[in-house]
C-alpha atoms as a PDB file:
ATOM      1  CA  MET A   1     156.539  57.382   8.749  1.00  0.00           C
ATOM      2  CA  GLU A   2     156.475  61.201   8.245  1.00  0.00           C
ATOM      3  CA  GLU A   3     158.196  62.489   5.005  1.00  0.00           C
ATOM      4  CA  SER A   4     160.687  64.452   7.108  1.00  0.00           C
ATOM      5  CA  THR A   5     162.026  61.349   8.629  1.00  0.00           C
ATOM      6  CA  ARG A   6     162.762  59.593   5.220  1.00  0.00           C
ATOM      7  CA  ARG A   7     166.151  59.661   3.806  1.00  0.00           C
ATOM      8  CA  SER A   8     167.158  59.632   0.236  1.00  0.00           C
ATOM      9  CA  LEU A   9     169.434  57.103  -1.279  1.00  0.00           C
ATOM     10  CA  GLU A  10     172.125  59.793  -1.655  1.00  0.00           C
ATOM     11  CA  GLU A  11     171.973  60.738   2.047  1.00  0.00           C
ATOM     12  CA  LEU A  12     172.117  57.143   3.171  1.00  0.00           C
ATOM     13  CA  SER A  13     175.074  56.463   0.811  1.00  0.00           C
ATOM     14  CA  ALA A  14     176.894  59.474   2.035  1.00  0.00           C
ATOM     15  CA  GLU A  15     176.455  58.375   5.720  1.00  0.00           C
ATOM     16  CA  VAL A  16     177.599  54.957   5.098  1.00  0.00           C
ATOM     17  CA  ALA A  17     180.577  56.284   3.271  1.00  0.00           C
ATOM     18  CA  SER A  18     181.544  58.913   5.986  1.00  0.00           C
ATOM     19  CA  ASN A  19     180.819  56.690   8.906  1.00  0.00           C
ATOM     20  CA  PRO A  20     181.814  53.110   8.608  1.00  0.00           C
ATOM     21  CA  ASN A  21     180.052  52.267  11.960  1.00  0.00           C
ATOM     22  CA  SER A  22     176.712  53.557  10.744  1.00  0.00           C
ATOM     23  CA  THR A  23     173.920  51.303  10.872  1.00  0.00           C
ATOM     24  CA  ALA A  24     172.280  53.174   7.899  1.00  0.00           C
ATOM     25  CA  PHE A  25     173.766  50.201   5.767  1.00  0.00           C
ATOM     26  CA  VAL A  26     170.552  48.322   6.573  1.00  0.00           C
ATOM     27  CA  GLU A  27     168.371  50.923   5.028  1.00  0.00           C
ATOM     28  CA  LEU A  28     170.773  51.416   2.017  1.00  0.00           C
ATOM     29  CA  ALA A  29     170.736  47.577   1.388  1.00  0.00           C
ATOM     30  CA  ALA A  30     167.038  47.481   1.311  1.00  0.00           C
ATOM     31  CA  ALA A  31     166.976  50.160  -1.090  1.00  0.00           C
ATOM     32  CA  TYR A  32     169.332  48.549  -3.344  1.00  0.00           C
ATOM     33  CA  ARG A  33     167.476  45.249  -2.990  1.00  0.00           C
ATOM     34  CA  ALA A  34     164.289  47.134  -3.978  1.00  0.00           C
ATOM     35  CA  ARG A  35     165.917  48.368  -7.127  1.00  0.00           C
ATOM     36  CA  GLY A  36     167.159  44.897  -7.971  1.00  0.00           C
ATOM     37  CA  ASP A  37     170.827  45.555  -7.256  1.00  0.00           C
ATOM     38  CA  LEU A  38     171.067  42.295  -5.069  1.00  0.00           C
ATOM     39  CA  GLU A  39     174.863  42.021  -5.318  1.00  0.00           C
ATOM     40  CA  ARG A  40     175.509  45.465  -3.922  1.00  0.00           C
ATOM     41  CA  ALA A  41     172.872  44.954  -1.228  1.00  0.00           C
ATOM     42  CA  MET A  42     174.376  41.707  -0.187  1.00  0.00           C
ATOM     43  CA  ARG A  43     178.032  43.292  -0.014  1.00  0.00           C
ATOM     44  CA  LEU A  44     176.512  46.066   2.103  1.00  0.00           C
ATOM     45  CA  CYS A  45     174.940  43.721   4.531  1.00  0.00           C
ATOM     46  CA  LEU A  46     177.710  41.280   4.903  1.00  0.00           C
ATOM     47  CA  ARG A  47     180.351  44.217   5.494  1.00  0.00           C
ATOM     48  CA  GLY A  48     177.835  46.011   8.030  1.00  0.00           C
ATOM     49  CA  LEU A  49     177.410  42.639   9.892  1.00  0.00           C
ATOM     50  CA  GLN A  50     181.173  42.440  10.297  1.00  0.00           C
ATOM     51  CA  ARG A  51     180.973  45.524  12.479  1.00  0.00           C
ATOM     52  CA  HIS A  52     177.404  44.856  13.810  1.00  0.00           C
ATOM     53  CA  PRO A  53     177.280  40.937  14.072  1.00  0.00           C
ATOM     54  CA  THR A  54     174.063  41.180  16.310  1.00  0.00           C
ATOM     55  CA  HIS A  55     172.077  43.636  14.378  1.00  0.00           C
ATOM     56  CA  VAL A  56     168.749  42.147  14.006  1.00  0.00           C
ATOM     57  CA  GLU A  57     167.464  44.149  11.027  1.00  0.00           C
ATOM     58  CA  ALA A  58     170.659  43.575   9.269  1.00  0.00           C
ATOM     59  CA  HIS A  59     170.287  39.809   9.586  1.00  0.00           C
ATOM     60  CA  PHE A  60     166.636  40.081   8.483  1.00  0.00           C
ATOM     61  CA  GLU A  61     167.463  42.095   5.485  1.00  0.00           C
ATOM     62  CA  LEU A  62     170.239  39.864   4.448  1.00  0.00           C
ATOM     63  CA  GLY A  63     167.669  36.939   4.465  1.00  0.00           C
ATOM     64  CA  ARG A  64     165.421  39.041   2.254  1.00  0.00           C
ATOM     65  CA  ILE A  65     168.285  39.415  -0.002  1.00  0.00           C
ATOM     66  CA  TYR A  66     169.218  35.753  -0.177  1.00  0.00           C
ATOM     67  CA  GLU A  67     165.594  34.952  -0.820  1.00  0.00           C
ATOM     68  CA  ALA A  68     165.369  37.382  -3.722  1.00  0.00           C
ATOM     69  CA  ARG A  69     168.525  35.632  -5.065  1.00  0.00           C
ATOM     70  CA  GLY A  70     166.799  32.435  -4.849  1.00  0.00           C
ATOM     71  CA  GLU A  71     168.993  31.207  -2.112  1.00  0.00           C
ATOM     72  CA  ARG A  72     166.108  30.104   0.316  1.00  0.00           C
ATOM     73  CA  GLU A  73     168.346  27.956   2.655  1.00  0.00           C
ATOM     74  CA  LEU A  74     170.750  30.817   3.319  1.00  0.00           C
ATOM     75  CA  ALA A  75     167.836  33.119   3.898  1.00  0.00           C
ATOM     76  CA  LEU A  76     166.269  30.699   6.495  1.00  0.00           C
ATOM     77  CA  ASP A  77     169.769  30.663   8.219  1.00  0.00           C
ATOM     78  CA  GLU A  78     169.590  34.361   8.434  1.00  0.00           C
ATOM     79  CA  TRP A  79     166.110  34.416   9.896  1.00  0.00           C
ATOM     80  CA  GLY A  80     167.180  31.741  12.271  1.00  0.00           C
ATOM     81  CA  VAL A  81     169.731  34.118  13.693  1.00  0.00           C
ATOM     82  CA  VAL A  82     167.104  36.886  13.872  1.00  0.00           C
ATOM     83  CA  LEU A  83     164.744  34.647  15.920  1.00  0.00           C
ATOM     84  CA  GLN A  84     167.823  33.609  18.222  1.00  0.00           C
ATOM     85  CA  LEU A  85     168.527  37.430  18.787  1.00  0.00           C
ATOM     86  CA  ALA A  86     165.021  38.658  18.938  1.00  0.00           C
ATOM     87  CA  PRO A  87     162.338  35.831  19.342  1.00  0.00           C
ATOM     88  CA  GLU A  88     159.634  38.387  19.106  1.00  0.00           C
ATOM     89  CA  HIS A  89     160.722  39.795  15.776  1.00  0.00           C
ATOM     90  CA  LEU A  90     157.274  40.172  13.981  1.00  0.00           C
ATOM     91  CA  ASN A  91     158.577  40.396  10.338  1.00  0.00           C
ATOM     92  CA  THR A  92     160.676  37.427  10.585  1.00  0.00           C
ATOM     93  CA  ARG A  93     157.614  35.386  12.110  1.00  0.00           C
ATOM     94  CA  LEU A  94     155.351  36.563   9.286  1.00  0.00           C
ATOM     95  CA  THR A  95     157.926  35.821   6.780  1.00  0.00           C
ATOM     96  CA  LEU A  96     158.078  32.259   7.890  1.00  0.00           C
ATOM     97  CA  VAL A  97     154.272  32.007   7.744  1.00  0.00           C
ATOM     98  CA  ARG A  98     154.533  33.042   4.183  1.00  0.00           C
ATOM     99  CA  LEU A  99     157.112  30.565   3.241  1.00  0.00           C
ATOM    100  CA  TYR A 100     155.308  27.682   5.025  1.00  0.00           C
ATOM    101  CA  LEU A 101     151.979  28.549   3.146  1.00  0.00           C
ATOM    102  CA  ASP A 102     153.893  28.830   0.003  1.00  0.00           C
ATOM    103  CA  GLU A 103     155.312  25.243   0.481  1.00  0.00           C
ATOM    104  CA  GLY A 104     151.824  23.866   1.640  1.00  0.00           C
ATOM    105  CA  ARG A 105     152.964  23.344   5.282  1.00  0.00           C
ATOM    106  CA  GLN A 106     149.771  24.421   6.892  1.00  0.00           C
ATOM    107  CA  SER A 107     150.536  23.133  10.423  1.00  0.00           C
ATOM    108  CA  ASP A 108     153.912  24.892  10.476  1.00  0.00           C
ATOM    109  CA  ALA A 109     152.393  28.143   9.198  1.00  0.00           C
ATOM    110  CA  THR A 110     149.494  27.859  11.748  1.00  0.00           C
ATOM    111  CA  ALA A 111     152.179  27.387  14.570  1.00  0.00           C
ATOM    112  CA  GLU A 112     154.206  30.268  13.356  1.00  0.00           C
ATOM    113  CA  LEU A 113     151.043  32.357  12.887  1.00  0.00           C
ATOM    114  CA  GLU A 114     150.023  31.711  16.530  1.00  0.00           C
ATOM    115  CA  ARG A 115     153.373  32.891  17.710  1.00  0.00           C
ATOM    116  CA  ALA A 116     153.140  36.131  15.770  1.00  0.00           C
ATOM    117  CA  GLU A 117     149.596  36.653  17.132  1.00  0.00           C
ATOM    118  CA  THR A 118     151.004  36.643  20.670  1.00  0.00           C
ATOM    119  CA  ILE A 119     153.543  39.334  19.537  1.00  0.00           C
ATOM    120  CA  ALA A 120     151.238  41.770  17.851  1.00  0.00           C
ATOM    121  CA  PRO A 121     147.653  40.875  17.985  1.00  0.00           C
ATOM    122  CA  GLY A 122     146.445  43.894  16.346  1.00  0.00           C
ATOM    123  CA  ASP A 123     148.573  43.763  13.195  1.00  0.00           C
ATOM    124  CA  PRO A 124     146.386  43.638  10.161  1.00  0.00           C
ATOM    125  CA  ARG A 125     148.520  41.161   8.228  1.00  0.00           C
ATOM    126  CA  LEU A 126     147.636  38.456  10.886  1.00  0.00           C
ATOM    127  CA  ASN A 127     144.020  38.635   9.818  1.00  0.00           C
ATOM    128  CA  GLU A 128     144.905  38.265   6.307  1.00  0.00           C
ATOM    129  CA  PHE A 129     147.061  35.141   6.915  1.00  0.00           C
ATOM    130  CA  ARG A 130     144.635  33.763   9.200  1.00  0.00           C
ATOM    131  CA  GLY A 131     141.947  33.994   6.566  1.00  0.00           C
ATOM    132  CA  LEU A 132     144.097  32.062   4.125  1.00  0.00           C
ATOM    133  CA  LEU A 133     144.677  29.383   6.684  1.00  0.00           C
ATOM    134  CA  ASP A 134     140.989  29.197   7.785  1.00  0.00           C
ATOM    135  CA  SER A 135     139.932  28.887   4.182  1.00  0.00           C
ATOM    136  CA  GLY A 136     142.317  26.050   3.345  1.00  0.00           C
ATOM    137  CA  LEU A 137     144.631  28.406   1.511  1.00  0.00           C
ATOM    138  CA  ALA A 138     141.816  29.848  -0.621  1.00  0.00           C
ATOM    139  CA  PRO A 139     142.765  33.319  -1.828  1.00  0.00           C
ATOM    140  CA  PRO A 140     141.257  36.380   0.010  1.00  0.00           C
ATOM    141  CA  GLU A 141     138.178  37.605  -1.563  1.00  0.00           C
ATOM    142  CA  ALA A 142     139.359  40.283  -3.965  1.00  0.00           C
ATOM    143  CA  GLU A 143     138.379  43.637  -2.376  1.00  0.00           C
ATOM    144  CA  GLY A 144     136.218  45.288  -4.991  1.00  0.00           C
ATOM    145  CA  GLU A 145     134.687  42.206  -6.380  1.00  0.00           C
ATOM    146  CA  SER A 146     132.090  41.750  -3.735  1.00  0.00           C
ATOM    147  CA  GLY A 147     129.507  44.363  -4.671  1.00  0.00           C
ATOM    148  CA  ASN A 148     131.202  47.607  -3.332  1.00  0.00           C
ATOM    149  CA  GLY A 149     131.736  48.970  -6.727  1.00  0.00           C
ATOM    150  CA  ARG A 150     135.447  48.198  -6.893  1.00  0.00           C
ATOM    151  CA  GLY A 151     137.339  45.633  -9.087  1.00  0.00           C
ATOM    152  CA  HIS A 152     136.573  47.311 -12.514  1.00  0.00           C
ATOM    153  CA  VAL A 153     139.559  49.407 -12.986  1.00  0.00           C
ATOM    154  CA  PHE A 154     141.882  46.692 -14.212  1.00  0.00           C
ATOM    155  CA  GLU A 155     139.178  44.201 -15.498  1.00  0.00           C
ATOM    156  CA  SER A 156     140.018  44.796 -19.085  1.00  0.00           C
ATOM    157  CA  LEU A 157     143.786  44.426 -18.511  1.00  0.00           C
ATOM    158  CA  GLY A 158     143.193  41.011 -17.109  1.00  0.00           C
ATOM    159  CA  GLU A 159     141.106  39.990 -20.034  1.00  0.00           C
ATOM    160  CA  ASP A 160     143.685  41.375 -22.657  1.00  0.00           C
ATOM    161  CA  HIS A 161     146.628  39.899 -20.942  1.00  0.00           C
ATOM    162  CA  PRO A 162     146.130  36.098 -19.970  1.00  0.00           C
ATOM    163  CA  GLY A 163     149.360  36.137 -18.105  1.00  0.00           C
ATOM    164  CA  THR A 164     148.180  38.486 -15.493  1.00  0.00           C
ATOM    165  CA  LEU A 165     147.283  36.898 -12.263  1.00  0.00           C
ATOM    166  CA  GLY A 166     146.289  39.782 -10.164  1.00  0.00           C
ATOM    167  CA  ILE A 167     146.523  43.527  -9.623  1.00  0.00           C
ATOM    168  CA  LEU A 168     146.361  45.621  -6.446  1.00  0.00           C
ATOM    169  CA  LEU A 169     146.277  49.370  -5.997  1.00  0.00           C
ATOM    170  CA  VAL A 170     147.265  50.129  -2.404  1.00  0.00           C
ATOM    171  CA  ASP A 171     147.646  53.360  -0.627  1.00  0.00           C
ATOM    172  CA  ALA A 172     150.382  54.600   1.506  1.00  0.00           C
ATOM    173  CA  GLU A 173     148.899  52.935   4.707  1.00  0.00           C
ATOM    174  CA  GLY A 174     148.768  49.580   2.938  1.00  0.00           C
ATOM    175  CA  GLU A 175     144.918  49.666   2.401  1.00  0.00           C
ATOM    176  CA  ILE A 176     143.517  48.299  -0.883  1.00  0.00           C
ATOM    177  CA  ILE A 177     141.979  50.933  -3.070  1.00  0.00           C
ATOM    178  CA  GLU A 178     141.307  48.849  -6.237  1.00  0.00           C
ATOM    179  CA  SER A 179     142.049  45.127  -7.064  1.00  0.00           C
ATOM    180  CA  HIS A 180     141.391  42.535  -9.743  1.00  0.00           C
ATOM    181  CA  MET A 181     142.221  38.911  -9.732  1.00  0.00           C
ATOM    182  CA  PRO A 182     140.717  36.895 -12.719  1.00  0.00           C
ATOM    183  CA  ALA A 183     138.657  33.949 -11.607  1.00  0.00           C
ATOM    184  CA  GLU A 184     140.336  31.601 -14.117  1.00  0.00           C
ATOM    185  CA  ASN A 185     143.375  31.777 -12.292  1.00  0.00           C
ATOM    186  CA  GLY A 186     142.312  29.772  -9.394  1.00  0.00           C
ATOM    187  CA  ASP A 187     144.851  27.326  -9.629  1.00  0.00           C
ATOM    188  CA  VAL A 188     147.679  29.698  -8.410  1.00  0.00           C
ATOM    189  CA  GLN A 189     145.442  31.961  -6.289  1.00  0.00           C
ATOM    190  CA  ALA A 190     146.190  30.211  -3.058  1.00  0.00           C
ATOM    191  CA  ALA A 191     149.994  30.793  -3.239  1.00  0.00           C
ATOM    192  CA  LEU A 192     149.252  34.255  -4.859  1.00  0.00           C
ATOM    193  CA  GLY A 193     147.293  35.390  -1.971  1.00  0.00           C
ATOM    194  CA  THR A 194     150.437  35.021   0.320  1.00  0.00           C
ATOM    195  CA  ASP A 195     152.627  36.768  -2.148  1.00  0.00           C
ATOM    196  CA  LEU A 196     150.331  39.815  -2.531  1.00  0.00           C
ATOM    197  CA  ILE A 197     150.253  40.196   1.264  1.00  0.00           C
ATOM    198  CA  GLU A 198     154.113  39.978   1.297  1.00  0.00           C
ATOM    199  CA  ALA A 199     154.365  42.498  -1.542  1.00  0.00           C
ATOM    200  CA  ARG A 200     151.990  44.901   0.268  1.00  0.00           C
ATOM    201  CA  ALA A 201     154.226  44.684   3.381  1.00  0.00           C
ATOM    202  CA  GLU A 202     157.401  45.126   1.388  1.00  0.00           C
ATOM    203  CA  ALA A 203     156.021  48.126  -0.343  1.00  0.00           C
ATOM    204  CA  GLU A 204     155.373  49.746   3.185  1.00  0.00           C
ATOM    205  CA  ARG A 205     158.872  48.697   4.307  1.00  0.00           C
ATOM    206  CA  VAL A 206     160.673  50.293   1.361  1.00  0.00           C
ATOM    207  CA  ALA A 207     158.396  53.485   1.676  1.00  0.00           C
ATOM    208  CA  SER A 208     159.635  53.810   5.304  1.00  0.00           C
ATOM    209  CA  TYR A 209     162.970  54.058   4.084  1.00  0.00           C
ATOM    210  CA  LEU A 210     163.040  56.288   0.986  1.00  0.00           C
ATOM    211  CA  GLN A 211     160.552  58.652  -0.683  1.00  0.00           C
ATOM    212  CA  LEU A 212     158.359  56.508  -3.003  1.00  0.00           C
ATOM    213  CA  GLY A 213     158.981  59.015  -5.823  1.00  0.00           C
ATOM    214  CA  GLU A 214     162.655  57.838  -5.941  1.00  0.00           C
ATOM    215  CA  LEU A 215     161.613  54.160  -6.835  1.00  0.00           C
ATOM    216  CA  LYS A 216     161.019  53.348 -10.434  1.00  0.00           C
ATOM    217  CA  GLY A 217     159.733  49.915  -9.127  1.00  0.00           C
ATOM    218  CA  MET A 218     160.760  46.709  -7.601  1.00  0.00           C
ATOM    219  CA  VAL A 219     160.219  43.024  -8.397  1.00  0.00           C
ATOM    220  CA  VAL A 220     159.414  40.235  -5.790  1.00  0.00           C
ATOM    221  CA  GLU A 221     159.900  36.805  -7.095  1.00  0.00           C
ATOM    222  CA  SER A 222     158.094  33.666  -5.972  1.00  0.00           C
ATOM    223  CA  LYS A 223     157.346  30.196  -7.087  1.00  0.00           C
ATOM    224  CA  SER A 224     153.863  31.143  -8.223  1.00  0.00           C
ATOM    225  CA  ALA A 225     154.148  34.683  -9.747  1.00  0.00           C
ATOM    226  CA  ARG A 226     156.444  37.624 -10.441  1.00  0.00           C
ATOM    227  CA  LEU A 227     155.210  40.649  -8.617  1.00  0.00           C
ATOM    228  CA  THR A 228     156.106  44.183  -9.791  1.00  0.00           C
ATOM    229  CA  VAL A 229     155.535  46.900  -7.287  1.00  0.00           C
ATOM    230  CA  SER A 230     155.513  50.647  -8.689  1.00  0.00           C
ATOM    231  CA  PRO A 231     154.704  53.831  -7.112  1.00  0.00           C
ATOM    232  CA  VAL A 232     151.915  55.975  -8.346  1.00  0.00           C
ATOM    233  CA  GLY A 233     152.303  59.291  -6.412  1.00  0.00           C
ATOM    234  CA  ARG A 234     151.914  58.227  -2.761  1.00  0.00           C
ATOM    235  CA  ASP A 235     150.158  55.107  -3.694  1.00  0.00           C
ATOM    236  CA  VAL A 236     151.385  51.744  -5.010  1.00  0.00           C
ATOM    237  CA  VAL A 237     150.340  49.357  -7.745  1.00  0.00           C
ATOM    238  CA  ILE A 238     151.255  45.692  -7.575  1.00  0.00           C
ATOM    239  CA  VAL A 239     151.060  43.486 -10.626  1.00  0.00           C
ATOM    240  CA  ALA A 240     151.334  39.728 -10.363  1.00  0.00           C
ATOM    241  CA  THR A 241     152.084  37.958 -13.671  1.00  0.00           C
ATOM    242  CA  ARG A 242     153.055  34.259 -14.548  1.00  0.00           C
ATOM    243  CA  THR A 243     156.711  33.574 -14.035  1.00  0.00           C
ATOM    244  CA  ASP A 244     156.988  32.181 -17.470  1.00  0.00           C
ATOM    245  CA  LEU A 245     155.589  35.406 -19.149  1.00  0.00           C
ATOM    246  CA  PRO A 246     158.280  37.022 -21.489  1.00  0.00           C
ATOM    247  CA  ALA A 247     159.898  39.897 -19.889  1.00  0.00           C
ATOM    248  CA  GLY A 248     158.600  42.133 -22.605  1.00  0.00           C
ATOM    249  CA  GLN A 249     154.943  41.228 -22.325  1.00  0.00           C
ATOM    250  CA  ALA A 250     155.310  41.654 -18.428  1.00  0.00           C
ATOM    251  CA  ALA A 251     156.613  45.125 -18.755  1.00  0.00           C
ATOM    252  CA  LEU A 252     153.602  46.001 -21.155  1.00  0.00           C
ATOM    253  CA  VAL A 253     151.242  44.755 -18.325  1.00  0.00           C
ATOM    254  CA  VAL A 254     153.001  46.625 -15.654  1.00  0.00           C
ATOM    255  CA  GLN A 255     152.908  49.827 -17.835  1.00  0.00           C
ATOM    256  CA  ARG A 256     149.269  49.409 -18.729  1.00  0.00           C
ATOM    257  CA  ALA A 257     148.454  48.862 -14.980  1.00  0.00           C
ATOM    258  CA  TRP A 258     150.319  51.944 -13.890  1.00  0.00           C
ATOM    259  CA  ASP A 259     148.494  54.107 -16.648  1.00  0.00           C
ATOM    260  CA  LEU A 260     145.143  52.782 -15.513  1.00  0.00           C
ATOM    261  CA  ALA A 261     145.968  53.459 -11.749  1.00  0.00           C
ATOM    262  CA  GLU A 262     147.223  56.907 -12.371  1.00  0.00           C
ATOM    263  CA  SER A 263     144.154  57.774 -14.553  1.00  0.00           C
ATOM    264  CA  TYR A 264     141.877  56.326 -11.793  1.00  0.00           C
ATOM    265  CA  LEU A 265     143.409  58.230  -9.008  1.00  0.00           C
ATOM    266  CA  SER A 266     143.531  61.501 -10.868  1.00  0.00           C
ATOM    267  CA  ASN A 267     139.677  61.249 -11.125  1.00  0.00           C
ATOM    268  CA  LEU A 268     139.182  60.566  -7.399  1.00  0.00           C
ATOM    269  CA  ASN A 269     138.396  63.061  -4.858  1.00  0.00           C
ATOM    270  CA  ARG A 270     140.764  61.773  -2.053  1.00  0.00           C
END
């Protein structure tokens, strides 16, 4: 989305405050969710849905909020409403693919992915999910570890911090610039592969609402990992750490990854 079409948190808040019928509450709720303010995000969505009960994106966003709160059943209820209102809602279909893969329900994931492929056959996320399914949930080959010269920026970080499961540096279009996924973490890589796809999509989604410069970072929790998404200029670094890693250690990993990403990008002629 072009810079001129993005709206700041202040602009969205002002619009919602001045016009109770505005649908900007969806964008504002997504921004608060990205910042970790789940209570405020949930209240915004619930209040907005009282005025706009059939707003598809509001139900989808409320599902994302419930999932972030650990209330998966409530999230599934909201996404069920989305599919009743809009059976071709691609993001909901792909979210269900991710959930089914996370739970090891390959047949359900395959069926949902096939539905998604009929909706948007050219969406690049489909190929990533299809690759996971076709390889029996093996993680995608880390781009940069197959002889193309990438994959070394974050290598020392993974060695120094055993709780690091994977790191991606992604550009504004969602393309991977650099990546590192330690081989010894194979026991969790299957689920982590789907989490990283979701985190990339989430980074793009939030970027479409707000200028990335306004975000300090956001956290995506899953069964297999804690993923922290942080802007580095117009790009994004995604750090996956074990869920049992102490918060202080995780913060150090994220900060170090950010420093490495910034240094690497500053030396690139892009």
